[in-house]
Amino acid sequence: MTETPNETGGGAGFDRHMIEALVCPVTHATLRYDAARQELISEAAGLAFPIRAGIPIMLIDEARQIKADD
């Protein structure tokens, strides 16, 4: 596994390949990883899904709405 503690901000680490395999639960489009905010971004849906303790939270109710220019 290629885990980098700094990528999660909390040192918990995560499997980057697993993150890359995830898709948006709304549009099924690919997601962009935002390391600074610890989120997976769905440009197509305009949603940002949080990563907490190295675990992506792929629930629509937990997602943050993003602006087109964000």
N, C-alpha and C. Protein backbone atom coordinates (compact mmCIF):
# COMPACT_ATOMS: atom_id res chain seq x y z
N MET A 1 0.84 -1.18 0.00
CA MET A 1 0.00 0.00 0.00
C MET A 1 0.88 1.24 0.00
N THR A 2 0.41 2.27 -0.66
CA THR A 2 1.15 3.52 -0.66
C THR A 2 0.39 4.54 0.15
N GLU A 3 0.51 4.42 1.45
CA GLU A 3 -0.18 5.35 2.35
C GLU A 3 0.77 6.46 2.76
N THR A 4 0.27 7.65 2.78
CA THR A 4 1.04 8.80 3.23
C THR A 4 0.26 9.48 4.35
N PRO A 5 0.77 9.43 5.57
CA PRO A 5 0.04 10.01 6.70
C PRO A 5 -0.37 11.46 6.48
N ASN A 6 0.43 12.25 5.81
CA ASN A 6 0.10 13.66 5.61
C ASN A 6 -1.10 13.87 4.70
N GLU A 7 -1.45 12.88 3.88
CA GLU A 7 -2.56 13.05 2.96
C GLU A 7 -3.90 13.15 3.68
N THR A 8 -4.00 12.62 4.87
CA THR A 8 -5.26 12.69 5.59
C THR A 8 -5.29 13.83 6.59
N GLY A 9 -4.17 14.45 6.81
CA GLY A 9 -4.13 15.57 7.74
C GLY A 9 -4.11 15.12 9.18
N GLY A 10 -4.67 13.97 9.49
CA GLY A 10 -4.69 13.51 10.86
C GLY A 10 -3.75 12.36 11.11
N GLY A 11 -3.02 11.94 10.07
CA GLY A 11 -2.08 10.86 10.23
C GLY A 11 -2.71 9.49 10.20
N ALA A 12 -4.01 9.38 9.91
CA ALA A 12 -4.67 8.08 9.90
C ALA A 12 -4.30 7.26 8.68
N GLY A 13 -3.98 7.92 7.55
CA GLY A 13 -3.62 7.21 6.34
C GLY A 13 -4.82 6.58 5.67
N PHE A 14 -4.70 6.38 4.37
CA PHE A 14 -5.75 5.69 3.64
C PHE A 14 -5.16 5.12 2.37
N ASP A 15 -5.88 4.20 1.76
CA ASP A 15 -5.43 3.57 0.54
C ASP A 15 -5.83 4.45 -0.64
N ARG A 16 -4.89 5.09 -1.25
CA ARG A 16 -5.16 6.03 -2.36
C ARG A 16 -5.84 5.33 -3.54
N HIS A 17 -5.50 4.06 -3.77
CA HIS A 17 -6.12 3.31 -4.87
C HIS A 17 -7.61 3.10 -4.59
N MET A 18 -7.98 2.91 -3.34
CA MET A 18 -9.39 2.75 -3.00
C MET A 18 -10.14 4.05 -3.27
N ILE A 19 -9.54 5.17 -2.91
CA ILE A 19 -10.15 6.47 -3.15
C ILE A 19 -10.35 6.69 -4.65
N GLU A 20 -9.36 6.33 -5.45
CA GLU A 20 -9.45 6.52 -6.89
C GLU A 20 -10.52 5.64 -7.53
N ALA A 21 -10.87 4.54 -6.88
CA ALA A 21 -11.88 3.64 -7.42
C ALA A 21 -13.31 4.11 -7.12
N LEU A 22 -13.47 5.03 -6.17
CA LEU A 22 -14.80 5.51 -5.82
C LEU A 22 -15.36 6.44 -6.89
N VAL A 23 -16.67 6.43 -7.03
CA VAL A 23 -17.36 7.34 -7.94
C VAL A 23 -18.45 8.06 -7.18
N CYS A 24 -18.94 9.15 -7.75
CA CYS A 24 -20.02 9.92 -7.14
C CYS A 24 -21.28 9.06 -7.05
N PRO A 25 -21.91 9.00 -5.88
CA PRO A 25 -23.13 8.21 -5.74
C PRO A 25 -24.33 8.81 -6.48
N VAL A 26 -24.22 10.06 -6.89
CA VAL A 26 -25.32 10.72 -7.60
C VAL A 26 -25.17 10.55 -9.11
N THR A 27 -24.00 10.89 -9.64
CA THR A 27 -23.79 10.91 -11.09
C THR A 27 -22.95 9.75 -11.62
N HIS A 28 -22.28 9.05 -10.73
CA HIS A 28 -21.34 7.97 -11.08
C HIS A 28 -20.11 8.49 -11.82
N ALA A 29 -19.86 9.78 -11.73
CA ALA A 29 -18.68 10.40 -12.34
C ALA A 29 -17.48 10.21 -11.41
N THR A 30 -16.30 10.40 -11.95
CA THR A 30 -15.10 10.30 -11.13
C THR A 30 -15.05 11.46 -10.14
N LEU A 31 -14.28 11.26 -9.08
CA LEU A 31 -14.15 12.25 -8.02
C LEU A 31 -12.74 12.80 -8.00
N ARG A 32 -12.61 14.04 -7.59
CA ARG A 32 -11.31 14.69 -7.44
C ARG A 32 -11.01 14.78 -5.95
N TYR A 33 -9.80 14.39 -5.57
CA TYR A 33 -9.38 14.43 -4.16
C TYR A 33 -8.83 15.81 -3.83
N ASP A 34 -9.39 16.44 -2.81
CA ASP A 34 -8.91 17.73 -2.31
C ASP A 34 -8.22 17.47 -0.98
N ALA A 35 -6.89 17.41 -1.00
CA ALA A 35 -6.12 17.09 0.20
C ALA A 35 -6.25 18.16 1.27
N ALA A 36 -6.30 19.41 0.87
CA ALA A 36 -6.37 20.50 1.83
C ALA A 36 -7.66 20.46 2.65
N ARG A 37 -8.76 20.13 2.00
CA ARG A 37 -10.05 20.10 2.69
C ARG A 37 -10.47 18.70 3.12
N GLN A 38 -9.69 17.70 2.74
CA GLN A 38 -10.03 16.31 3.05
C GLN A 38 -11.43 15.98 2.53
N GLU A 39 -11.59 16.15 1.23
CA GLU A 39 -12.88 15.90 0.58
C GLU A 39 -12.66 15.24 -0.77
N LEU A 40 -13.68 14.53 -1.21
CA LEU A 40 -13.75 14.03 -2.57
C LEU A 40 -14.78 14.88 -3.29
N ILE A 41 -14.38 15.51 -4.37
CA ILE A 41 -15.21 16.48 -5.07
C ILE A 41 -15.85 15.85 -6.30
N SER A 42 -17.16 16.00 -6.40
CA SER A 42 -17.89 15.62 -7.61
C SER A 42 -18.27 16.90 -8.33
N GLU A 43 -17.49 17.22 -9.38
CA GLU A 43 -17.77 18.43 -10.15
C GLU A 43 -19.14 18.31 -10.81
N ALA A 44 -19.48 17.12 -11.29
CA ALA A 44 -20.74 16.91 -12.01
C ALA A 44 -21.96 17.17 -11.12
N ALA A 45 -21.90 16.75 -9.87
CA ALA A 45 -23.03 16.91 -8.95
C ALA A 45 -22.94 18.20 -8.14
N GLY A 46 -21.76 18.82 -8.12
CA GLY A 46 -21.58 20.02 -7.30
C GLY A 46 -21.57 19.69 -5.82
N LEU A 47 -20.98 18.54 -5.48
CA LEU A 47 -20.94 18.10 -4.09
C LEU A 47 -19.51 17.75 -3.68
N ALA A 48 -19.23 17.93 -2.39
CA ALA A 48 -17.95 17.55 -1.80
C ALA A 48 -18.23 16.58 -0.66
N PHE A 49 -17.69 15.37 -0.78
CA PHE A 49 -17.90 14.33 0.23
C PHE A 49 -16.71 14.33 1.19
N PRO A 50 -16.96 14.42 2.50
CA PRO A 50 -15.86 14.51 3.46
C PRO A 50 -15.13 13.19 3.64
N ILE A 51 -13.87 13.31 4.04
CA ILE A 51 -13.08 12.15 4.45
C ILE A 51 -12.80 12.36 5.92
N ARG A 52 -13.28 11.45 6.75
CA ARG A 52 -13.11 11.56 8.20
C ARG A 52 -12.32 10.37 8.71
N ALA A 53 -11.24 10.63 9.41
CA ALA A 53 -10.38 9.59 9.95
C ALA A 53 -9.96 8.60 8.86
N GLY A 54 -9.73 9.14 7.65
CA GLY A 54 -9.29 8.30 6.54
C GLY A 54 -10.39 7.54 5.83
N ILE A 55 -11.65 7.79 6.22
CA ILE A 55 -12.79 7.07 5.63
C ILE A 55 -13.64 8.04 4.83
N PRO A 56 -13.81 7.78 3.52
CA PRO A 56 -14.68 8.64 2.73
C PRO A 56 -16.14 8.44 3.12
N ILE A 57 -16.84 9.52 3.39
CA ILE A 57 -18.26 9.47 3.75
C ILE A 57 -19.05 9.79 2.49
N MET A 58 -19.56 8.75 1.84
CA MET A 58 -20.20 8.89 0.53
C MET A 58 -21.72 9.01 0.63
N LEU A 59 -22.19 9.66 1.67
CA LEU A 59 -23.62 9.87 1.87
C LEU A 59 -24.00 11.26 1.38
N ILE A 60 -25.05 11.34 0.59
CA ILE A 60 -25.49 12.62 0.03
C ILE A 60 -25.83 13.60 1.15
N ASP A 61 -26.43 13.11 2.22
CA ASP A 61 -26.79 13.98 3.35
C ASP A 61 -25.57 14.57 4.05
N GLU A 62 -24.43 13.94 3.94
CA GLU A 62 -23.19 14.43 4.58
C GLU A 62 -22.37 15.32 3.65
N ALA A 63 -22.72 15.35 2.37
CA ALA A 63 -21.96 16.11 1.38
C ALA A 63 -22.22 17.61 1.51
N ARG A 64 -21.20 18.36 1.15
CA ARG A 64 -21.28 19.81 1.15
C ARG A 64 -21.53 20.27 -0.28
N GLN A 65 -22.47 21.21 -0.45
CA GLN A 65 -22.73 21.79 -1.77
C GLN A 65 -21.57 22.70 -2.13
N ILE A 66 -21.09 22.62 -3.35
CA ILE A 66 -20.01 23.49 -3.78
C ILE A 66 -20.48 24.38 -4.92
N LYS A 67 -19.82 25.50 -5.06
CA LYS A 67 -20.10 26.42 -6.15
C LYS A 67 -19.29 26.00 -7.35
N ALA A 68 -19.73 26.40 -8.53
CA ALA A 68 -19.03 26.06 -9.77
C ALA A 68 -17.59 26.58 -9.78
N ASP A 69 -17.34 27.73 -9.14
CA ASP A 69 -16.01 28.32 -9.13
C ASP A 69 -15.19 27.93 -7.92
N ASP A 70 -15.69 27.06 -7.07
CA ASP A 70 -14.99 26.66 -5.82
C ASP A 70 -13.82 25.77 -6.09
